[in-house]
């Protein structure tokens, strides 16, 4: 069975700077993980699945619980600017 690696981008500011990462992912629709108050542009909403955890900042504990509930056991996380 072939598994596709899920691609999650965690950000409190999902702006146009994310577009190259979203456009260059032909295998599957990426996920944007953000907070409940973040403004997400329509362009980004069309290219990614938006998941919201936390009120003003992303709540990583809630996100971790979500990943576990979806069956993810191993997750690679990379930091960025």
Protein backbone atom coordinates (compact mmCIF):
# COMPACT_ATOMS: atom_id res chain seq x y z
CA UNK A 1 0.00 0.00 0.00
CA UNK A 2 1.36 3.42 -0.96
CA UNK A 3 1.15 6.12 1.71
CA UNK A 4 1.38 9.79 0.90
CA UNK A 5 3.13 11.91 3.48
CA UNK A 6 0.75 14.54 4.87
CA UNK A 7 2.07 18.08 4.59
CA UNK A 8 1.15 20.42 7.45
CA UNK A 9 2.18 24.09 7.61
CA UNK A 10 1.81 25.59 11.09
CA UNK A 11 1.44 29.37 11.13
CA UNK A 12 -0.33 32.13 13.03
CA UNK A 13 -0.17 34.32 9.90
CA UNK A 14 -1.33 32.35 6.84
CA UNK A 15 -0.49 34.96 4.21
CA UNK A 16 0.59 35.02 0.56
CA UNK A 17 4.16 34.03 1.47
CA UNK A 18 2.83 30.45 1.78
CA UNK A 19 1.66 30.28 -1.84
CA UNK A 20 4.86 28.70 -3.29
CA UNK A 21 4.67 25.85 -0.77
CA UNK A 22 0.99 25.31 -1.54
CA UNK A 23 1.26 25.45 -5.32
CA UNK A 24 4.29 23.16 -5.54
CA UNK A 25 2.64 20.20 -3.82
CA UNK A 26 0.93 18.14 -6.55
CA UNK A 27 0.52 14.89 -4.59
CA UNK A 28 -2.17 16.07 -2.20
CA UNK A 29 -3.79 19.16 -0.75
CA UNK A 30 -1.59 20.51 2.09
CA UNK A 31 -2.96 21.50 5.49
CA UNK A 32 -2.63 24.94 7.03
CA UNK A 33 -2.69 24.77 10.82
CA UNK A 34 -3.53 28.15 12.30
CA UNK A 35 -5.43 29.80 15.14
CA UNK A 36 -9.15 30.58 15.31
CA UNK A 37 -8.66 34.33 14.83
CA UNK A 38 -6.29 34.22 11.85
CA UNK A 39 -7.44 35.77 8.59
CA UNK A 40 -6.97 33.31 5.74
CA UNK A 41 -7.07 34.59 2.16
CA UNK A 42 -9.47 32.91 -0.27
CA UNK A 43 -6.52 31.88 -2.47
CA UNK A 44 -5.01 29.92 0.41
CA UNK A 45 -8.36 28.37 1.35
CA UNK A 46 -8.68 27.03 -2.20
CA UNK A 47 -5.21 25.46 -2.17
CA UNK A 48 -5.13 23.99 1.36
CA UNK A 49 -7.28 22.41 4.02
CA UNK A 50 -7.51 24.86 6.93
CA UNK A 51 -7.50 23.50 10.49
CA UNK A 52 -7.73 25.82 13.49
CA UNK A 53 -6.40 25.13 16.99
CA UNK A 54 -6.12 27.79 19.70
CA UNK A 55 -7.59 31.28 19.95
CA UNK A 56 -4.75 33.76 19.27
CA UNK A 57 -1.89 31.34 18.63
CA UNK A 58 -1.76 27.77 17.40
CA UNK A 59 -2.32 25.37 20.31
CA UNK A 60 0.18 22.58 19.63
CA UNK A 61 -1.34 20.37 22.33
CA UNK A 62 -4.71 20.46 20.55
CA UNK A 63 -3.01 19.87 17.20
CA UNK A 64 -1.08 16.91 18.62
CA UNK A 65 -4.33 15.39 19.94
CA UNK A 66 -5.89 15.86 16.49
CA UNK A 67 -2.97 14.08 14.80
CA UNK A 68 -3.24 11.16 17.21
CA UNK A 69 -7.02 10.94 16.71
CA UNK A 70 -6.41 10.75 12.94
CA UNK A 71 -4.02 7.83 13.35
CA UNK A 72 -0.70 9.66 12.96
CA UNK A 73 1.95 7.98 15.09
CA UNK A 74 5.13 9.54 13.70
CA UNK A 75 5.47 13.20 12.72
CA UNK A 76 8.49 15.05 11.33
CA UNK A 77 8.49 18.73 12.28
CA UNK A 78 10.84 21.28 10.75
CA UNK A 79 11.22 24.83 11.98
CA UNK A 80 11.35 27.87 9.78
CA UNK A 81 11.60 31.60 9.79
